[in-house]
């Protein structure tokens, strides 16, 4: 641990990242979860060596903040002593209930393990950037639709068995579909795509691949039975079945895939339509949040979220202690900044305790609509008190926030809590709290208010949306109809 990782890298135990409140490390347990006792001990380590703040990220990683160079080393030693194996290499992510969800189509972990091994065997680990990732989604109660990935594989149930819909560069809504294939071909396509990315440099992602490369990947054994693609309307006609050709050297298809005869029916062009089975251009159902009760085979899992992904370590220690007393067998980290408690004898008791400790226990909680970084005074880079602004908005404008509206409050232009586009973004700089409409924290704000008064400006926008909404119209649709200039003017008023 001789150097700190740059911003944008992944702050693993071996390479903590410098932030405004000290060093930050991120832990991804190999097992997918932790024993309650291990979570308690990690919380105690965070109190000893950091600033006492712990986080669960949007992708379901555990973070410990406020470390120094020396305390980061001590923390790493304690994690080793606890026997917590953490992931390294290219992330190949599965859902938080993978392998135990009675509603999932298939356990995605075996395919994820095979993909991880194939990436390592191909020598790609050191050649890919730290933000390159793969998502393997077996379906079920908690999908991975909200998680972005360079390559996405999602299980599809078809008459011929289970197939994998492969897409690239995005989340469940935005990723570009390539093919529907079996597990062997899915692994091979994934490695081939990542090899292409590696040849473009460590800053590259699958979004940087050319149309020719995508077509090459899509032709990789893409002979899925028509039943996998129930609602696709082809616009480029059919393609002639021909023997699949490897899109890149050194990737050898398995004998099982190579020996399979093409489908007797002409397949639809894999570059057209949605291979996940939803109608082309159709709406995508909002993924279920990892909050509340989830049916397991014999009991329930309880999902509890951290408000804005962050909590004092002592609160997590108290929650994990009560969970252990109630017989919890495991705590799984969940995308969406949440924890899933398994094996509880009285889940409703833990849910009540979590609410009293300040955790999010209801998926309708308005705090789930807001992404907020630590801001001031926790982070030296922050220019506004992000969490205080978020709490005010959540309390005073709760009835005006609906599931369609995304709000990001960033202490500075780095946009750590939500790198992507949000309907409304507040960003702190030397001029106060700037407003960005339908953009990121890096964009030029359209209007400003003093940081201490930013919540009132947002309340004015939300009130205008309430008054202007048509029957059945979402808040986001109304916001778009009002226009960026009008929204900026609403934000500036009454200064």
Protein backbone atom coordinates (compact mmCIF):
# COMPACT_ATOMS: atom_id res chain seq x y z
CA UNK A 1 0.00 0.00 0.00
CA UNK A 2 2.62 2.50 -1.11
CA UNK A 3 0.39 4.72 -3.20
CA UNK A 4 -3.20 5.85 -3.14
CA UNK A 5 -5.51 5.19 -6.05
CA UNK A 6 -6.63 8.08 -8.19
CA UNK A 7 -10.22 9.23 -8.21
CA UNK A 8 -12.26 7.06 -10.53
CA UNK A 9 -10.36 3.93 -9.54
CA UNK A 10 -11.77 1.34 -7.18
CA UNK A 11 -10.55 1.99 -3.62
CA UNK A 12 -9.79 -1.57 -2.53
CA UNK A 13 -8.10 -2.47 0.74
CA UNK A 14 -4.75 -2.57 -1.02
CA UNK A 15 -5.26 0.81 -2.72
CA UNK A 16 -7.28 3.29 -0.63
CA UNK A 17 -8.53 6.37 -2.43
CA UNK A 18 -7.97 9.93 -1.28
CA UNK A 19 -11.21 11.82 -0.69
CA UNK A 20 -12.13 15.07 0.99
CA UNK A 21 -12.45 13.40 4.39
CA UNK A 22 -9.36 11.20 4.24
CA UNK A 23 -8.76 7.82 2.67
CA UNK A 24 -11.58 5.51 1.67
CA UNK A 25 -11.54 1.74 1.23
CA UNK A 26 -14.15 -0.49 -0.37
CA UNK A 27 -14.85 -4.11 0.52
CA UNK A 28 -16.63 -6.68 -1.64
CA UNK A 29 -16.82 -9.98 0.27
CA UNK A 30 -16.22 -13.00 -1.96
CA UNK A 31 -18.99 -14.88 -0.18
CA UNK A 32 -21.50 -12.18 -1.07
CA UNK A 33 -22.35 -11.52 2.55
CA UNK A 34 -21.08 -11.31 6.10
CA UNK A 35 -21.87 -12.94 9.39
CA UNK A 36 -23.49 -10.39 11.75
CA UNK A 37 -20.45 -10.74 14.04
CA UNK A 38 -18.15 -9.79 11.15
CA UNK A 39 -20.22 -6.69 10.38
CA UNK A 40 -20.03 -5.70 14.04
CA UNK A 41 -16.26 -6.09 14.05
CA UNK A 42 -15.90 -4.11 10.82
CA UNK A 43 -17.93 -1.33 12.42
CA UNK A 44 -15.61 -1.36 15.43
CA UNK A 45 -12.61 -1.18 13.08
CA UNK A 46 -14.21 1.81 11.34
CA UNK A 47 -14.56 3.55 14.70
CA UNK A 48 -10.95 2.82 15.63
CA UNK A 49 -9.30 3.68 12.34
CA UNK A 50 -11.65 5.95 10.36
CA UNK A 51 -14.01 8.82 11.03
CA UNK A 52 -16.79 6.47 12.11
CA UNK A 53 -18.76 6.68 8.84
CA UNK A 54 -19.66 3.52 6.90
CA UNK A 55 -21.44 3.29 3.57
CA UNK A 56 -23.13 0.83 1.26
CA UNK A 57 -22.79 1.95 -2.34
CA UNK A 58 -25.30 1.94 -5.18
CA UNK A 59 -23.64 -1.27 -6.44
CA UNK A 60 -23.72 -2.95 -3.03
CA UNK A 61 -20.16 -2.49 -1.79
CA UNK A 62 -19.17 -1.66 1.79
CA UNK A 63 -17.06 1.47 2.30
CA UNK A 64 -15.16 2.79 5.31
CA UNK A 65 -14.25 6.48 5.29
CA UNK A 66 -11.87 8.89 6.97
CA UNK A 67 -8.77 6.71 7.13
CA UNK A 68 -5.13 7.77 7.24
CA UNK A 69 -2.25 5.99 5.54
CA UNK A 70 -1.36 4.23 8.78
CA UNK A 71 -4.90 3.44 9.89
CA UNK A 72 -5.74 2.04 6.44
CA UNK A 73 -2.92 -0.48 6.91
CA UNK A 74 -4.22 -1.40 10.35
CA UNK A 75 -7.73 -1.81 8.97
CA UNK A 76 -6.48 -4.13 6.22
CA UNK A 77 -4.70 -6.25 8.82
CA UNK A 78 -7.88 -6.51 10.88
CA UNK A 79 -9.96 -7.52 7.85
CA UNK A 80 -7.40 -10.24 7.14
CA UNK A 81 -7.58 -11.37 10.78
CA UNK A 82 -11.37 -11.60 10.54
CA UNK A 83 -10.96 -14.03 7.64
CA UNK A 84 -13.09 -11.89 5.29
CA UNK A 85 -12.04 -12.73 1.75
CA UNK A 86 -12.59 -9.72 -0.51
CA UNK A 87 -12.98 -9.70 -4.27
CA UNK A 88 -10.26 -8.58 -6.60
CA UNK A 89 -9.96 -8.34 -10.35
CA UNK A 90 -12.77 -7.52 -12.77
CA UNK A 91 -16.10 -7.41 -10.87
CA UNK A 92 -18.56 -10.07 -12.02
CA UNK A 93 -21.65 -9.19 -10.05
CA UNK A 94 -24.75 -11.22 -9.20
CA UNK A 95 -27.94 -10.27 -7.36
CA UNK A 96 -28.06 -9.99 -3.57
CA UNK A 97 -30.39 -13.01 -3.27
CA UNK A 98 -28.53 -15.11 -5.84
CA UNK A 99 -28.80 -18.80 -5.09
CA UNK A 100 -31.47 -18.49 -2.40
CA UNK A 101 -34.33 -16.65 -4.11
CA UNK A 102 -37.16 -19.13 -4.81
CA UNK A 103 -38.37 -16.89 -7.66
CA UNK A 104 -35.11 -16.61 -9.59
CA UNK A 105 -34.96 -18.29 -13.00
CA UNK A 106 -31.56 -19.81 -12.32
CA UNK A 107 -28.73 -19.43 -9.82
CA UNK A 108 -26.35 -17.05 -11.65
CA UNK A 109 -23.32 -17.74 -9.46
CA UNK A 110 -21.92 -20.75 -11.37
CA UNK A 111 -21.86 -18.78 -14.63
CA UNK A 112 -20.37 -15.76 -12.84
CA UNK A 113 -17.60 -17.94 -11.42
CA UNK A 114 -16.86 -19.40 -14.85
CA UNK A 115 -16.71 -15.91 -16.37
CA UNK A 116 -14.35 -14.71 -13.62
CA UNK A 117 -12.07 -17.69 -14.20
CA UNK A 118 -12.11 -17.15 -17.96
CA UNK A 119 -11.22 -13.46 -17.57
CA UNK A 120 -8.30 -14.40 -15.36
CA UNK A 121 -7.13 -17.16 -17.70
CA UNK A 122 -7.26 -14.76 -20.65
CA UNK A 123 -4.90 -12.39 -18.82
CA UNK A 124 -7.38 -9.50 -18.95
CA UNK A 125 -7.44 -8.53 -15.28
CA UNK A 126 -4.50 -6.12 -15.45
CA UNK A 127 -5.36 -4.87 -18.93
CA UNK A 128 -8.84 -3.56 -18.12
CA UNK A 129 -9.70 -0.37 -16.29
CA UNK A 130 -10.93 -0.41 -12.68
CA UNK A 131 -14.49 0.51 -13.62
CA UNK A 132 -15.04 -2.31 -16.13
CA UNK A 133 -17.64 -4.77 -14.83
CA UNK A 134 -19.88 -7.68 -15.75
CA UNK A 135 -23.42 -8.31 -14.45
CA UNK A 136 -24.94 -11.80 -14.35
CA UNK A 137 -28.63 -11.64 -13.41
CA UNK A 138 -30.60 -14.77 -12.62
CA UNK A 139 -33.86 -12.84 -12.19
CA UNK A 140 -36.13 -13.13 -9.18
CA UNK A 141 -37.42 -10.68 -6.60
CA UNK A 142 -34.35 -8.44 -6.73
CA UNK A 143 -33.01 -8.12 -10.25
CA UNK A 144 -29.85 -6.28 -11.30
CA UNK A 145 -31.71 -4.07 -13.78
CA UNK A 146 -30.61 -0.85 -12.06
CA UNK A 147 -26.91 -1.81 -12.10
CA UNK A 148 -24.83 -0.79 -15.10
CA UNK A 149 -22.29 -3.14 -16.62
CA UNK A 150 -19.96 -3.38 -19.60
CA UNK A 151 -21.46 -6.79 -20.30
CA UNK A 152 -24.83 -7.92 -18.95
CA UNK A 153 -26.16 -11.48 -18.99
CA UNK A 154 -29.75 -12.00 -17.88
CA UNK A 155 -31.47 -15.36 -17.58
CA UNK A 156 -34.44 -15.96 -19.87
CA UNK A 157 -36.85 -18.88 -19.47
CA UNK A 158 -37.79 -20.37 -22.85
CA UNK A 159 -39.50 -23.51 -24.07
CA UNK A 160 -36.11 -24.94 -25.01
CA UNK A 161 -34.69 -24.25 -21.53
CA UNK A 162 -32.78 -21.44 -19.91
CA UNK A 163 -30.90 -19.01 -22.13
CA UNK A 164 -28.90 -15.88 -21.41
CA UNK A 165 -29.74 -12.52 -22.96
CA UNK A 166 -26.42 -10.74 -23.54
CA UNK A 167 -26.23 -6.96 -23.83
CA UNK A 168 -23.54 -4.35 -23.37
CA UNK A 169 -22.86 -0.88 -22.01
CA UNK A 170 -25.71 0.04 -19.71
CA UNK A 171 -28.32 -1.04 -17.22
CA UNK A 172 -31.43 -3.13 -17.77
CA UNK A 173 -33.08 -0.29 -19.68
CA UNK A 174 -30.22 1.22 -21.66
CA UNK A 175 -27.87 -1.67 -22.48
CA UNK A 176 -27.61 -2.62 -26.16
CA UNK A 177 -28.77 -6.19 -26.87
CA UNK A 178 -26.43 -8.57 -28.69
CA UNK A 179 -27.72 -12.14 -28.57
CA UNK A 180 -29.58 -14.80 -26.63
CA UNK A 181 -27.33 -17.81 -26.07
CA UNK A 182 -26.54 -20.65 -23.70
CA UNK A 183 -24.17 -20.31 -20.76
CA UNK A 184 -21.06 -21.46 -22.62
CA UNK A 185 -21.53 -18.95 -25.42
CA UNK A 186 -22.42 -16.27 -22.89
CA UNK A 187 -19.07 -16.77 -21.19
CA UNK A 188 -17.23 -16.69 -24.52
CA UNK A 189 -18.99 -13.53 -25.72
CA UNK A 190 -18.19 -11.81 -22.43
CA UNK A 191 -14.48 -12.61 -22.63
CA UNK A 192 -14.36 -11.67 -26.32
CA UNK A 193 -15.98 -8.29 -25.61
CA UNK A 194 -13.61 -7.58 -22.73
CA UNK A 195 -10.62 -8.55 -24.87
CA UNK A 196 -11.75 -6.01 -27.46
CA UNK A 197 -12.05 -3.39 -24.72
CA UNK A 198 -8.58 -4.18 -23.37
CA UNK A 199 -7.08 -3.55 -26.79
CA UNK A 200 -8.39 0.04 -26.64
CA UNK A 201 -6.64 0.85 -23.36
CA UNK A 202 -7.44 0.98 -19.66
CA UNK A 203 -9.79 3.93 -20.04
CA UNK A 204 -12.03 2.06 -22.48
CA UNK A 205 -15.42 0.43 -21.95
CA UNK A 206 -17.73 -1.58 -24.18
CA UNK A 207 -19.48 1.66 -25.14
CA UNK A 208 -16.30 2.41 -27.11
CA UNK A 209 -16.59 -0.67 -29.33
CA UNK A 210 -17.31 -0.13 -33.01
CA UNK A 211 -20.44 -1.28 -34.80
CA UNK A 212 -18.33 -3.84 -36.64
CA UNK A 213 -17.06 -5.25 -33.37
CA UNK A 214 -20.59 -5.39 -31.97
CA UNK A 215 -21.80 -7.21 -35.06
CA UNK A 216 -18.96 -9.69 -34.65
CA UNK A 217 -19.94 -10.32 -31.04
CA UNK A 218 -23.62 -10.63 -31.92
CA UNK A 219 -22.88 -13.34 -34.49
CA UNK A 220 -21.26 -15.50 -31.82
CA UNK A 221 -23.56 -18.54 -31.73
CA UNK A 222 -26.65 -16.33 -31.71
CA UNK A 223 -29.08 -19.08 -32.67
CA UNK A 224 -31.59 -18.76 -29.86
CA UNK A 225 -34.98 -20.37 -30.41
CA UNK A 226 -37.68 -17.87 -31.44
CA UNK A 227 -39.51 -18.51 -28.13
CA UNK A 228 -36.74 -16.59 -26.36
CA UNK A 229 -37.69 -13.48 -28.33
CA UNK A 230 -41.48 -13.27 -28.02
CA UNK A 231 -42.17 -9.60 -28.79
CA UNK A 232 -39.45 -8.44 -31.17
CA UNK A 233 -40.40 -6.68 -34.38
CA UNK A 234 -37.46 -6.97 -36.79
CA UNK A 235 -36.68 -3.93 -38.89
CA UNK A 236 -33.62 -5.25 -40.69
CA UNK A 237 -35.01 -8.52 -41.89
CA UNK A 238 -33.78 -11.99 -41.14
CA UNK A 239 -30.25 -13.26 -41.23
CA UNK A 240 -29.09 -16.42 -42.85
CA UNK A 241 -27.87 -19.09 -40.43
CA UNK A 242 -24.20 -19.73 -40.97
CA UNK A 243 -21.45 -21.37 -38.96
CA UNK A 244 -20.43 -19.01 -36.15
CA UNK A 245 -16.96 -17.51 -36.40
CA UNK A 246 -14.97 -16.42 -33.38
CA UNK A 247 -14.83 -12.61 -33.25
CA UNK A 248 -11.39 -12.57 -31.75
CA UNK A 249 -8.31 -14.75 -31.53
CA UNK A 250 -7.57 -17.05 -28.60
CA UNK A 251 -11.24 -17.58 -27.68
CA UNK A 252 -12.17 -21.16 -28.38
CA UNK A 253 -15.87 -22.03 -28.22
CA UNK A 254 -16.78 -25.08 -26.17
CA UNK A 255 -17.37 -28.29 -28.02
CA UNK A 256 -20.94 -28.27 -26.83
CA UNK A 257 -21.68 -24.91 -28.41
CA UNK A 258 -19.59 -25.46 -31.51
CA UNK A 259 -21.29 -28.76 -32.17
CA UNK A 260 -24.83 -27.47 -31.84
CA UNK A 261 -26.67 -27.23 -35.12
CA UNK A 262 -28.25 -23.90 -36.04
CA UNK A 263 -31.93 -23.45 -35.33
CA UNK A 264 -34.17 -24.83 -38.05
CA UNK A 265 -35.98 -21.49 -38.10
CA UNK A 266 -34.31 -18.29 -39.25
CA UNK A 267 -33.38 -16.19 -36.21
CA UNK A 268 -34.16 -12.53 -35.88
CA UNK A 269 -31.20 -10.23 -36.37
CA UNK A 270 -29.50 -9.97 -32.97
CA UNK A 271 -28.82 -6.27 -33.46
CA UNK A 272 -32.51 -5.38 -33.53
CA UNK A 273 -35.04 -5.32 -30.73
CA UNK A 274 -34.80 -6.27 -27.07
CA UNK A 275 -33.37 -9.72 -26.45
CA UNK A 276 -34.58 -9.69 -22.85
CA UNK A 277 -38.10 -10.48 -24.00
CA UNK A 278 -39.73 -7.09 -23.51
CA UNK A 279 -41.42 -5.34 -26.41
CA UNK A 280 -39.11 -3.19 -28.50
CA UNK A 281 -39.38 0.38 -27.29
CA UNK A 282 -41.72 -0.65 -24.48
CA UNK A 283 -41.70 0.53 -20.89
CA UNK A 284 -39.41 -1.06 -18.36
CA UNK A 285 -40.85 -1.72 -14.94
CA UNK A 286 -39.01 0.06 -12.14
CA UNK A 287 -36.85 -2.50 -10.32
CA UNK A 288 -38.02 -3.41 -6.86
CA UNK A 289 -35.99 -1.70 -4.15
CA UNK A 290 -34.10 -3.97 -1.70
CA UNK A 291 -36.20 -2.71 1.21
CA UNK A 292 -38.83 -4.65 3.17
CA UNK A 293 -39.68 -8.35 3.33
CA UNK A 294 -38.74 -10.92 0.69
CA UNK A 295 -40.14 -14.44 0.59
CA UNK A 296 -37.57 -17.18 0.97
CA UNK A 297 -38.23 -20.93 0.94
CA UNK A 298 -38.64 -21.25 4.71
CA UNK A 299 -38.67 -17.68 6.03
CA UNK A 300 -38.15 -14.07 4.99
CA UNK A 301 -35.22 -11.85 4.16
CA UNK A 302 -35.44 -8.31 5.49
CA UNK A 303 -34.02 -5.43 3.46
CA UNK A 304 -32.92 -2.27 5.27
CA UNK A 305 -31.29 0.67 3.47
CA UNK A 306 -28.84 3.28 4.66
CA UNK A 307 -30.15 6.80 4.08
CA UNK A 308 -28.14 8.22 1.19
CA UNK A 309 -25.97 5.12 1.53
CA UNK A 310 -24.30 6.32 4.73
CA UNK A 311 -24.58 5.68 8.46
CA UNK A 312 -22.49 6.15 11.61
CA UNK A 313 -20.64 2.92 12.31
CA UNK A 314 -22.18 2.74 15.77
CA UNK A 315 -25.68 2.58 14.29
CA UNK A 316 -24.61 -0.32 12.09
CA UNK A 317 -23.03 -2.04 15.09
CA UNK A 318 -26.26 -1.65 17.07
CA UNK A 319 -28.36 -2.97 14.17
CA UNK A 320 -26.08 -5.95 13.53
CA UNK A 321 -25.99 -6.76 17.25
CA UNK A 322 -29.76 -6.93 17.44
CA UNK A 323 -29.85 -8.98 14.23
CA UNK A 324 -27.42 -11.46 15.77
CA UNK A 325 -29.59 -11.68 18.90
CA UNK A 326 -32.57 -12.45 16.65
CA UNK A 327 -30.72 -15.33 15.00
CA UNK A 328 -29.64 -13.71 11.74
CA UNK A 329 -27.40 -16.10 9.83
CA UNK A 330 -26.04 -13.70 7.22
CA UNK A 331 -26.05 -10.07 6.13
CA UNK A 332 -25.86 -9.54 2.38
CA UNK A 333 -24.88 -6.27 0.74
CA UNK A 334 -27.41 -5.15 -1.85
CA UNK A 335 -27.27 -2.74 -4.79
CA UNK A 336 -29.37 0.24 -3.83
CA UNK A 337 -27.35 1.02 -0.67
CA UNK A 338 -29.00 -1.66 1.44
CA UNK A 339 -28.41 -4.66 3.69
CA UNK A 340 -30.38 -7.91 3.53
CA UNK A 341 -30.70 -9.86 6.78
CA UNK A 342 -31.28 -13.60 6.45
CA UNK A 343 -32.47 -16.20 8.97
CA UNK A 344 -34.19 -13.83 11.41
CA UNK A 345 -36.56 -15.27 13.98
CA UNK A 346 -38.50 -11.99 14.23
CA UNK A 347 -37.83 -9.79 11.20
CA UNK A 348 -40.49 -7.24 12.12
CA UNK A 349 -38.72 -6.60 15.42
CA UNK A 350 -35.47 -5.77 13.61
CA UNK A 351 -37.37 -3.60 11.14
CA UNK A 352 -38.78 -1.50 13.99
CA UNK A 353 -35.37 -1.17 15.61
CA UNK A 354 -33.83 -0.12 12.30
CA UNK A 355 -36.41 2.62 11.84
CA UNK A 356 -35.66 3.94 15.33
CA UNK A 357 -31.94 4.03 14.45
CA UNK A 358 -32.63 6.15 11.38
CA UNK A 359 -32.40 3.49 8.67
CA UNK A 360 -34.76 3.34 5.69
CA UNK A 361 -37.28 0.53 6.21
CA UNK A 362 -40.04 1.51 3.77
CA UNK A 363 -39.50 1.48 -0.03
CA UNK A 364 -41.79 4.53 -0.24
CA UNK A 365 -39.46 6.56 1.99
CA UNK A 366 -38.70 9.81 0.13
CA UNK A 367 -35.02 9.44 0.99
CA UNK A 368 -34.83 6.63 -1.58
CA UNK A 369 -35.41 9.24 -4.31
CA UNK A 370 -32.37 11.32 -3.32
CA UNK A 371 -28.66 10.64 -3.85
CA UNK A 372 -26.44 12.77 -1.60
CA UNK A 373 -22.71 12.63 -0.92
CA UNK A 374 -21.31 13.49 2.57
CA UNK A 375 -20.82 17.17 1.67
CA UNK A 376 -19.82 19.68 4.33
CA UNK A 377 -18.66 19.41 7.04
CA UNK A 378 -17.70 15.75 6.50
CA UNK A 379 -15.86 16.22 3.22
CA UNK A 380 -13.25 18.92 2.63
CA UNK A 381 -14.16 19.01 -1.07
CA UNK A 382 -17.80 19.80 -0.34
CA UNK A 383 -19.18 23.33 -0.72
CA UNK A 384 -22.72 22.70 0.59
CA UNK A 385 -24.27 20.69 3.44
CA UNK A 386 -25.72 18.00 1.17
CA UNK A 387 -27.22 15.72 3.81
CA UNK A 388 -28.93 18.58 5.65
CA UNK A 389 -30.44 19.78 2.36
CA UNK A 390 -31.55 16.23 1.52
CA UNK A 391 -33.17 15.73 4.92
CA UNK A 392 -35.07 19.01 4.64
CA UNK A 393 -36.39 18.14 1.19
CA UNK A 394 -37.34 14.60 2.29
CA UNK A 395 -39.26 15.92 5.31
CA UNK A 396 -40.90 19.01 3.87
CA UNK A 397 -41.58 17.87 0.28
CA UNK A 398 -42.10 14.13 0.77
CA UNK A 399 -45.53 14.13 -0.88
CA UNK A 400 -44.12 15.84 -3.97
CA UNK A 401 -41.44 13.25 -4.72
CA UNK A 402 -42.53 10.27 -6.79
CA UNK A 403 -40.66 7.27 -8.15
CA UNK A 404 -40.11 8.93 -11.53
CA UNK A 405 -38.08 11.84 -10.18
CA UNK A 406 -34.36 11.54 -9.42
CA UNK A 407 -32.67 14.17 -7.25
CA UNK A 408 -28.89 14.37 -6.78
CA UNK A 409 -27.26 16.65 -4.22
CA UNK A 410 -23.50 16.92 -4.68
CA UNK A 411 -21.07 18.83 -2.51
CA UNK A 412 -18.84 19.53 -5.50
CA UNK A 413 -18.61 18.89 -9.23
CA UNK A 414 -17.10 15.41 -8.79
CA UNK A 415 -20.58 13.90 -8.39
CA UNK A 416 -19.42 10.93 -6.29
CA UNK A 417 -22.88 9.86 -5.08
CA UNK A 418 -24.45 9.73 -8.55
CA UNK A 419 -22.11 10.03 -11.56
CA UNK A 420 -24.96 9.71 -14.04
CA UNK A 421 -27.70 12.08 -15.15
CA UNK A 422 -30.45 13.08 -12.73
CA UNK A 423 -33.66 14.99 -13.35
CA UNK A 424 -32.50 17.61 -10.84
CA UNK A 425 -28.97 18.06 -9.52
CA UNK A 426 -27.80 20.50 -6.86
CA UNK A 427 -24.06 21.05 -6.94
CA UNK A 428 -21.95 23.15 -4.60
CA UNK A 429 -19.31 25.57 -5.87
CA UNK A 430 -17.96 29.02 -5.04
CA UNK A 431 -21.27 30.60 -6.09
CA UNK A 432 -23.46 28.53 -3.76
CA UNK A 433 -25.82 25.70 -4.67
CA UNK A 434 -26.17 25.47 -8.44
CA UNK A 435 -29.07 23.74 -10.18
CA UNK A 436 -28.55 21.43 -13.15
CA UNK A 437 -31.66 20.20 -14.97
CA UNK A 438 -31.41 16.78 -16.61
CA UNK A 439 -27.65 16.56 -16.29
CA UNK A 440 -24.77 15.66 -14.01
CA UNK A 441 -22.87 17.50 -11.30
CA UNK A 442 -20.16 18.28 -13.87
CA UNK A 443 -22.53 20.34 -16.03
CA UNK A 444 -22.77 24.13 -15.90
CA UNK A 445 -25.58 25.11 -13.47
CA UNK A 446 -28.52 27.06 -14.88
CA UNK A 447 -29.29 28.90 -11.63
CA UNK A 448 -27.96 29.45 -8.12
CA UNK A 449 -29.17 29.90 -4.58
CA UNK A 450 -27.24 30.19 -1.32
CA UNK A 451 -26.40 26.72 -0.06
CA UNK A 452 -28.33 27.19 3.18
CA UNK A 453 -31.48 28.00 1.18
CA UNK A 454 -31.22 25.36 -1.55
CA UNK A 455 -33.96 23.16 -0.10
CA UNK A 456 -36.45 26.01 -0.42
CA UNK A 457 -35.58 26.40 -4.09
CA UNK A 458 -36.20 22.70 -4.74
CA UNK A 459 -39.46 22.88 -2.76
CA UNK A 460 -40.60 25.64 -5.10
CA UNK A 461 -39.88 23.44 -8.13
CA UNK A 462 -41.71 20.48 -6.65
CA UNK A 463 -44.70 22.63 -5.70
CA UNK A 464 -44.90 23.91 -9.28
CA UNK A 465 -44.81 20.35 -10.56
CA UNK A 466 -47.69 19.46 -8.23
CA UNK A 467 -49.77 22.35 -9.51
CA UNK A 468 -48.96 21.82 -13.20
CA UNK A 469 -49.22 18.03 -13.45
CA UNK A 470 -51.87 16.59 -15.70
CA UNK A 471 -53.91 13.65 -14.50
CA UNK A 472 -51.77 10.50 -14.70
CA UNK A 473 -48.63 12.45 -15.52
CA UNK A 474 -45.44 11.60 -13.62
CA UNK A 475 -43.36 14.24 -11.88
CA UNK A 476 -40.50 13.61 -14.33
CA UNK A 477 -42.76 14.06 -17.36
CA UNK A 478 -44.15 17.28 -15.94
CA UNK A 479 -40.64 18.53 -15.21
CA UNK A 480 -39.66 17.93 -18.84
CA UNK A 481 -42.78 19.72 -20.05
CA UNK A 482 -42.04 22.78 -17.90
CA UNK A 483 -38.61 23.03 -19.52
CA UNK A 484 -35.13 23.71 -18.18
CA UNK A 485 -35.44 27.51 -18.39
CA UNK A 486 -38.70 27.53 -16.47
CA UNK A 487 -37.32 25.19 -13.82
CA UNK A 488 -34.24 27.38 -13.40
CA UNK A 489 -36.44 30.45 -12.89
CA UNK A 490 -38.50 28.62 -10.26
CA UNK A 491 -35.31 27.73 -8.42
CA UNK A 492 -34.04 31.35 -8.43
CA UNK A 493 -37.25 32.89 -7.10
CA UNK A 494 -37.62 34.31 -3.59
CA UNK A 495 -33.92 34.67 -2.88
